[in-house]
Amino acid sequence: MAEANLKKKERARSWISEYTRVLKLAKKPGKKEYSLTSKVTGIGMVLIGIIGYIIKFFSVIIQNIGA
């Protein structure tokens, strides 16, 4: 039982140290990087929306042909 608690504590310490290391390496993005990320994300969302609309459009056409 005591060994299990030690293993849990050791895993928690390990996770905390890894988490702390990642936070130390992280930095706030600059204006240029943020702008580029926003553009790429927006383009991706638009493309996924267009693809979804096309799929829905063709499914409606196929359902109407079968009726």
C-alpha atoms as a PDB file:
ATOM      1  CA  MET A   1       0.000   0.000   0.000  1.00  0.00           C
ATOM      2  CA  ALA A   2       2.801   2.386   0.884  1.00  0.00           C
ATOM      3  CA  GLU A   3       4.596   1.520  -2.369  1.00  0.00           C
ATOM      4  CA  ALA A   4       1.482   2.338  -4.382  1.00  0.00           C
ATOM      5  CA  ASN A   5       1.231   5.737  -2.712  1.00  0.00           C
ATOM      6  CA  LEU A   6       4.908   6.413  -3.448  1.00  0.00           C
ATOM      7  CA  LYS A   7       4.401   5.519  -7.103  1.00  0.00           C
ATOM      8  CA  LYS A   8       1.393   7.851  -7.317  1.00  0.00           C
ATOM      9  CA  LYS A   9       3.356  10.660  -5.696  1.00  0.00           C
ATOM     10  CA  GLU A  10       6.294  10.071  -8.030  1.00  0.00           C
ATOM     11  CA  ARG A  11       4.006  10.133 -11.094  1.00  0.00           C
ATOM     12  CA  ALA A  12       2.415  13.354  -9.842  1.00  0.00           C
ATOM     13  CA  ARG A  13       5.828  14.964  -9.305  1.00  0.00           C
ATOM     14  CA  SER A  14       6.933  13.834 -12.750  1.00  0.00           C
ATOM     15  CA  TRP A  15       3.799  15.256 -14.363  1.00  0.00           C
ATOM     16  CA  ILE A  16       4.194  18.556 -12.517  1.00  0.00           C
ATOM     17  CA  SER A  17       7.833  18.894 -13.544  1.00  0.00           C
ATOM     18  CA  GLU A  18       6.977  18.179 -17.196  1.00  0.00           C
ATOM     19  CA  TYR A  19       4.084  20.640 -17.051  1.00  0.00           C
ATOM     20  CA  THR A  20       6.328  23.316 -15.534  1.00  0.00           C
ATOM     21  CA  ARG A  21       8.983  22.721 -18.203  1.00  0.00           C
ATOM     22  CA  VAL A  22       6.424  23.167 -20.987  1.00  0.00           C
ATOM     23  CA  LEU A  23       5.119  26.386 -19.430  1.00  0.00           C
ATOM     24  CA  LYS A  24       8.649  27.777 -19.198  1.00  0.00           C
ATOM     25  CA  LEU A  25       9.214  27.083 -22.909  1.00  0.00           C
ATOM     26  CA  ALA A  26       5.860  28.523 -24.004  1.00  0.00           C
ATOM     27  CA  LYS A  27       5.710  32.097 -25.178  1.00  0.00           C
ATOM     28  CA  LYS A  28       2.974  34.473 -26.227  1.00  0.00           C
ATOM     29  CA  PRO A  29       2.658  34.600 -30.019  1.00  0.00           C
ATOM     30  CA  GLY A  30       3.557  37.803 -31.787  1.00  0.00           C
ATOM     31  CA  LYS A  31       1.082  39.803 -33.842  1.00  0.00           C
ATOM     32  CA  LYS A  32       2.332  38.329 -37.129  1.00  0.00           C
ATOM     33  CA  GLU A  33       2.164  34.727 -35.874  1.00  0.00           C
ATOM     34  CA  TYR A  34      -1.297  35.267 -34.376  1.00  0.00           C
ATOM     35  CA  SER A  35      -2.548  36.825 -37.618  1.00  0.00           C
ATOM     36  CA  LEU A  36      -1.228  33.920 -39.703  1.00  0.00           C
ATOM     37  CA  THR A  37      -2.751  31.347 -37.354  1.00  0.00           C
ATOM     38  CA  SER A  38      -6.109  33.135 -37.479  1.00  0.00           C
ATOM     39  CA  LYS A  39      -6.071  33.246 -41.283  1.00  0.00           C
ATOM     40  CA  VAL A  40      -5.194  29.578 -41.639  1.00  0.00           C
ATOM     41  CA  THR A  41      -7.871  28.594 -39.113  1.00  0.00           C
ATOM     42  CA  GLY A  42     -10.472  30.745 -40.865  1.00  0.00           C
ATOM     43  CA  ILE A  43      -9.624  29.296 -44.280  1.00  0.00           C
ATOM     44  CA  GLY A  44      -9.881  25.782 -42.854  1.00  0.00           C
ATOM     45  CA  MET A  45     -13.294  26.499 -41.346  1.00  0.00           C
ATOM     46  CA  VAL A  46     -14.573  27.949 -44.616  1.00  0.00           C
ATOM     47  CA  LEU A  47     -13.283  24.961 -46.604  1.00  0.00           C
ATOM     48  CA  ILE A  48     -14.906  22.481 -44.230  1.00  0.00           C
ATOM     49  CA  GLY A  49     -18.172  24.434 -44.473  1.00  0.00           C
ATOM     50  CA  ILE A  50     -18.051  24.415 -48.277  1.00  0.00           C
ATOM     51  CA  ILE A  51     -17.337  20.688 -48.361  1.00  0.00           C
ATOM     52  CA  GLY A  52     -20.236  20.045 -45.956  1.00  0.00           C
ATOM     53  CA  TYR A  53     -22.562  22.183 -48.067  1.00  0.00           C
ATOM     54  CA  ILE A  54     -21.567  20.336 -51.259  1.00  0.00           C
ATOM     55  CA  ILE A  55     -22.127  16.944 -49.621  1.00  0.00           C
ATOM     56  CA  LYS A  56     -25.540  18.040 -48.333  1.00  0.00           C
ATOM     57  CA  PHE A  57     -26.448  19.486 -51.754  1.00  0.00           C
ATOM     58  CA  PHE A  58     -25.616  16.237 -53.555  1.00  0.00           C
ATOM     59  CA  SER A  59     -27.413  14.133 -50.929  1.00  0.00           C
ATOM     60  CA  VAL A  60     -30.584  16.183 -51.476  1.00  0.00           C
ATOM     61  CA  ILE A  61     -30.252  15.777 -55.254  1.00  0.00           C
ATOM     62  CA  ILE A  62     -29.766  11.999 -54.924  1.00  0.00           C
ATOM     63  CA  GLN A  63     -32.771  11.683 -52.580  1.00  0.00           C
ATOM     64  CA  ASN A  64     -34.963  13.632 -55.007  1.00  0.00           C
ATOM     65  CA  ILE A  65     -33.886  11.460 -57.952  1.00  0.00           C
ATOM     66  CA  GLY A  66     -34.785   8.279 -56.065  1.00  0.00           C
ATOM     67  CA  ALA A  67     -38.262   9.543 -55.086  1.00  0.00           C
END
